[in-house]
Amino acid sequence: MSARTVTVDDACAHIAELLRAVSAGQEIVITEGARAVARVVPAGPARKPRRPGLNQGAIQTSADFDAPLPDEFWSGQK
């Protein structure tokens, strides 16, 4: 991926052009003075929405999962 470096002032003045370049796959590094302050890269592909219930029954919870833990747990004794 090719990177193009622009100053903050140039980025503000040419934001539409820079966004077109990013959409085409180019990486933009925005600098303030001699220091890089931001990197603009193309967004990744959109994720499919999650659907609840796809793994129903895959996890089992014991009947006493919320029971108090024994004193040995807290004291570090076996």
N, C-alpha and C. Protein backbone atom coordinates (compact mmCIF):
# COMPACT_ATOMS: atom_id res chain seq x y z
N MET A 1 0.86 -1.17 0.00
CA MET A 1 0.00 0.00 0.00
C MET A 1 0.90 1.22 0.00
N SER A 2 0.68 2.12 -0.93
CA SER A 2 1.49 3.33 -1.00
C SER A 2 0.97 4.35 0.01
N ALA A 3 1.91 5.09 0.61
CA ALA A 3 1.52 6.09 1.60
C ALA A 3 1.83 7.48 1.05
N ARG A 4 0.94 8.39 1.31
CA ARG A 4 1.11 9.78 0.90
C ARG A 4 1.11 10.62 2.18
N THR A 5 2.04 11.54 2.29
CA THR A 5 2.15 12.36 3.48
C THR A 5 1.69 13.77 3.17
N VAL A 6 0.80 14.30 4.03
CA VAL A 6 0.29 15.66 3.86
C VAL A 6 0.29 16.34 5.23
N THR A 7 0.35 17.66 5.21
CA THR A 7 0.27 18.41 6.46
C THR A 7 -1.19 18.56 6.87
N VAL A 8 -1.42 18.97 8.10
CA VAL A 8 -2.78 19.18 8.59
C VAL A 8 -3.48 20.23 7.73
N ASP A 9 -2.79 21.32 7.41
CA ASP A 9 -3.40 22.38 6.60
C ASP A 9 -3.79 21.87 5.22
N ASP A 10 -2.91 21.08 4.59
CA ASP A 10 -3.24 20.52 3.27
C ASP A 10 -4.40 19.54 3.36
N ALA A 11 -4.44 18.76 4.45
CA ALA A 11 -5.53 17.80 4.62
C ALA A 11 -6.87 18.52 4.73
N CYS A 12 -6.89 19.64 5.48
CA CYS A 12 -8.13 20.41 5.61
C CYS A 12 -8.55 21.01 4.27
N ALA A 13 -7.59 21.49 3.53
CA ALA A 13 -7.91 22.16 2.26
C ALA A 13 -8.32 21.18 1.17
N HIS A 14 -7.87 19.92 1.26
CA HIS A 14 -8.12 18.96 0.17
C HIS A 14 -8.75 17.67 0.67
N ILE A 15 -9.63 17.77 1.65
CA ILE A 15 -10.19 16.57 2.27
C ILE A 15 -10.94 15.68 1.28
N ALA A 16 -11.69 16.25 0.38
CA ALA A 16 -12.45 15.44 -0.58
C ALA A 16 -11.51 14.65 -1.48
N GLU A 17 -10.45 15.29 -1.93
CA GLU A 17 -9.46 14.61 -2.79
C GLU A 17 -8.77 13.48 -2.02
N LEU A 18 -8.42 13.75 -0.77
CA LEU A 18 -7.76 12.74 0.04
C LEU A 18 -8.67 11.55 0.31
N LEU A 19 -9.94 11.80 0.55
CA LEU A 19 -10.88 10.70 0.77
C LEU A 19 -11.07 9.85 -0.48
N ARG A 20 -11.04 10.48 -1.64
CA ARG A 20 -11.10 9.69 -2.88
C ARG A 20 -9.87 8.80 -3.01
N ALA A 21 -8.69 9.34 -2.66
CA ALA A 21 -7.46 8.55 -2.72
C ALA A 21 -7.52 7.38 -1.75
N VAL A 22 -8.03 7.62 -0.55
CA VAL A 22 -8.15 6.55 0.45
C VAL A 22 -9.13 5.49 -0.04
N SER A 23 -10.23 5.92 -0.64
CA SER A 23 -11.22 4.97 -1.17
C SER A 23 -10.61 4.10 -2.26
N ALA A 24 -9.61 4.63 -2.97
CA ALA A 24 -8.94 3.88 -4.03
C ALA A 24 -7.84 2.97 -3.48
N GLY A 25 -7.63 3.01 -2.15
CA GLY A 25 -6.65 2.10 -1.54
C GLY A 25 -5.38 2.75 -1.05
N GLN A 26 -5.25 4.05 -1.20
CA GLN A 26 -4.04 4.73 -0.77
C GLN A 26 -4.11 5.07 0.72
N GLU A 27 -2.97 5.01 1.39
CA GLU A 27 -2.86 5.39 2.79
C GLU A 27 -2.38 6.83 2.87
N ILE A 28 -2.98 7.63 3.75
CA ILE A 28 -2.62 9.02 3.93
C ILE A 28 -2.07 9.20 5.34
N VAL A 29 -0.88 9.79 5.45
CA VAL A 29 -0.29 10.12 6.74
C VAL A 29 -0.37 11.63 6.89
N ILE A 30 -1.00 12.09 7.97
CA ILE A 30 -1.16 13.52 8.23
C ILE A 30 -0.13 13.93 9.27
N THR A 31 0.62 14.99 8.94
CA THR A 31 1.68 15.45 9.82
C THR A 31 1.40 16.84 10.36
N GLU A 32 1.94 17.09 11.54
CA GLU A 32 1.90 18.42 12.14
C GLU A 32 3.35 18.75 12.46
N GLY A 33 3.91 19.68 11.71
CA GLY A 33 5.35 19.92 11.81
C GLY A 33 6.06 18.70 11.23
N ALA A 34 7.02 18.17 11.95
CA ALA A 34 7.75 16.98 11.48
C ALA A 34 7.18 15.69 12.07
N ARG A 35 6.11 15.79 12.83
CA ARG A 35 5.57 14.63 13.55
C ARG A 35 4.29 14.12 12.89
N ALA A 36 4.24 12.82 12.65
CA ALA A 36 3.02 12.20 12.13
C ALA A 36 1.99 12.13 13.24
N VAL A 37 0.77 12.61 12.96
CA VAL A 37 -0.27 12.63 14.00
C VAL A 37 -1.45 11.72 13.66
N ALA A 38 -1.60 11.33 12.41
CA ALA A 38 -2.74 10.47 12.05
C ALA A 38 -2.41 9.69 10.79
N ARG A 39 -3.09 8.57 10.66
CA ARG A 39 -2.98 7.74 9.46
C ARG A 39 -4.40 7.41 9.03
N VAL A 40 -4.72 7.71 7.79
CA VAL A 40 -6.05 7.44 7.26
C VAL A 40 -5.91 6.29 6.27
N VAL A 41 -6.64 5.22 6.53
CA VAL A 41 -6.58 4.01 5.69
C VAL A 41 -7.99 3.63 5.25
N PRO A 42 -8.10 2.87 4.19
CA PRO A 42 -9.44 2.45 3.75
C PRO A 42 -10.13 1.61 4.83
N ALA A 43 -11.42 1.79 4.94
CA ALA A 43 -12.21 1.00 5.89
C ALA A 43 -12.27 -0.44 5.39
N GLY A 44 -12.29 -1.37 6.33
CA GLY A 44 -12.38 -2.78 5.98
C GLY A 44 -13.79 -3.11 5.50
N PRO A 45 -13.97 -4.32 5.04
CA PRO A 45 -15.30 -4.71 4.57
C PRO A 45 -16.31 -4.68 5.71
N ALA A 46 -17.54 -4.39 5.38
CA ALA A 46 -18.60 -4.34 6.39
C ALA A 46 -18.85 -5.74 6.94
N ARG A 47 -19.05 -5.83 8.24
CA ARG A 47 -19.32 -7.11 8.86
C ARG A 47 -20.80 -7.45 8.74
N LYS A 48 -21.07 -8.73 8.68
CA LYS A 48 -22.46 -9.17 8.69
C LYS A 48 -23.00 -8.99 10.10
N PRO A 49 -24.26 -8.64 10.25
CA PRO A 49 -24.82 -8.47 11.59
C PRO A 49 -24.83 -9.82 12.33
N ARG A 50 -24.57 -9.75 13.63
CA ARG A 50 -24.59 -10.95 14.45
C ARG A 50 -26.02 -11.40 14.68
N ARG A 51 -26.21 -12.72 14.71
CA ARG A 51 -27.54 -13.27 14.96
C ARG A 51 -27.50 -14.08 16.24
N PRO A 52 -28.29 -13.72 17.23
CA PRO A 52 -28.31 -14.48 18.47
C PRO A 52 -28.91 -15.86 18.28
N GLY A 53 -28.44 -16.80 19.07
CA GLY A 53 -29.03 -18.14 19.06
C GLY A 53 -28.39 -19.12 18.10
N LEU A 54 -27.32 -18.74 17.40
CA LEU A 54 -26.72 -19.67 16.44
C LEU A 54 -26.05 -20.86 17.11
N ASN A 55 -25.53 -20.69 18.31
CA ASN A 55 -24.84 -21.77 19.02
C ASN A 55 -25.62 -22.22 20.25
N GLN A 56 -26.90 -22.16 20.16
CA GLN A 56 -27.75 -22.52 21.28
C GLN A 56 -27.47 -23.95 21.71
N GLY A 57 -27.25 -24.13 23.03
CA GLY A 57 -26.98 -25.45 23.58
C GLY A 57 -25.50 -25.82 23.57
N ALA A 58 -24.62 -24.97 23.03
CA ALA A 58 -23.19 -25.29 22.96
C ALA A 58 -22.50 -25.11 24.30
N ILE A 59 -23.06 -24.31 25.18
CA ILE A 59 -22.44 -24.05 26.48
C ILE A 59 -23.40 -24.51 27.57
N GLN A 60 -22.85 -25.22 28.55
CA GLN A 60 -23.64 -25.70 29.67
C GLN A 60 -23.20 -24.95 30.93
N THR A 61 -24.14 -24.56 31.75
CA THR A 61 -23.84 -23.90 33.03
C THR A 61 -24.36 -24.81 34.13
N SER A 62 -23.49 -25.06 35.12
CA SER A 62 -23.90 -25.94 36.21
C SER A 62 -24.97 -25.25 37.06
N ALA A 63 -25.74 -26.05 37.77
CA ALA A 63 -26.84 -25.51 38.57
C ALA A 63 -26.33 -24.66 39.73
N ASP A 64 -25.09 -24.89 40.19
CA ASP A 64 -24.57 -24.14 41.34
C ASP A 64 -23.51 -23.11 40.92
N PHE A 65 -23.57 -22.60 39.71
CA PHE A 65 -22.54 -21.68 39.23
C PHE A 65 -22.45 -20.41 40.06
N ASP A 66 -23.53 -20.01 40.72
CA ASP A 66 -23.51 -18.78 41.50
C ASP A 66 -23.47 -19.06 43.01
N ALA A 67 -23.17 -20.28 43.38
CA ALA A 67 -23.05 -20.62 44.80
C ALA A 67 -21.79 -19.98 45.37
N PRO A 68 -21.79 -19.66 46.66
CA PRO A 68 -20.58 -19.08 47.27
C PRO A 68 -19.39 -20.02 47.14
N LEU A 69 -18.21 -19.45 46.96
CA LEU A 69 -17.00 -20.25 46.86
C LEU A 69 -16.56 -20.66 48.27
N PRO A 70 -15.91 -21.82 48.38
CA PRO A 70 -15.48 -22.28 49.71
C PRO A 70 -14.38 -21.38 50.27
N ASP A 71 -14.22 -21.39 51.60
CA ASP A 71 -13.20 -20.57 52.25
C ASP A 71 -11.80 -20.91 51.75
N GLU A 72 -11.56 -22.18 51.39
CA GLU A 72 -10.24 -22.59 50.91
C GLU A 72 -9.86 -21.84 49.63
N PHE A 73 -10.82 -21.50 48.83
CA PHE A 73 -10.55 -20.74 47.61
C PHE A 73 -9.94 -19.39 47.96
N TRP A 74 -10.53 -18.71 48.91
CA TRP A 74 -10.10 -17.36 49.27
C TRP A 74 -8.80 -17.33 50.06
N SER A 75 -8.54 -18.39 50.82
CA SER A 75 -7.33 -18.40 51.65
C SER A 75 -6.14 -18.99 50.89
N GLY A 76 -6.36 -19.62 49.75
CA GLY A 76 -5.28 -20.19 48.96
C GLY A 76 -4.86 -21.57 49.44
N GLN A 77 -5.60 -22.16 50.38
CA GLN A 77 -5.30 -23.50 50.89
C GLN A 77 -6.02 -24.52 50.05
N LYS A 78 -5.47 -25.72 50.03
CA LYS A 78 -6.12 -26.80 49.27
C LYS A 78 -6.89 -27.71 50.16
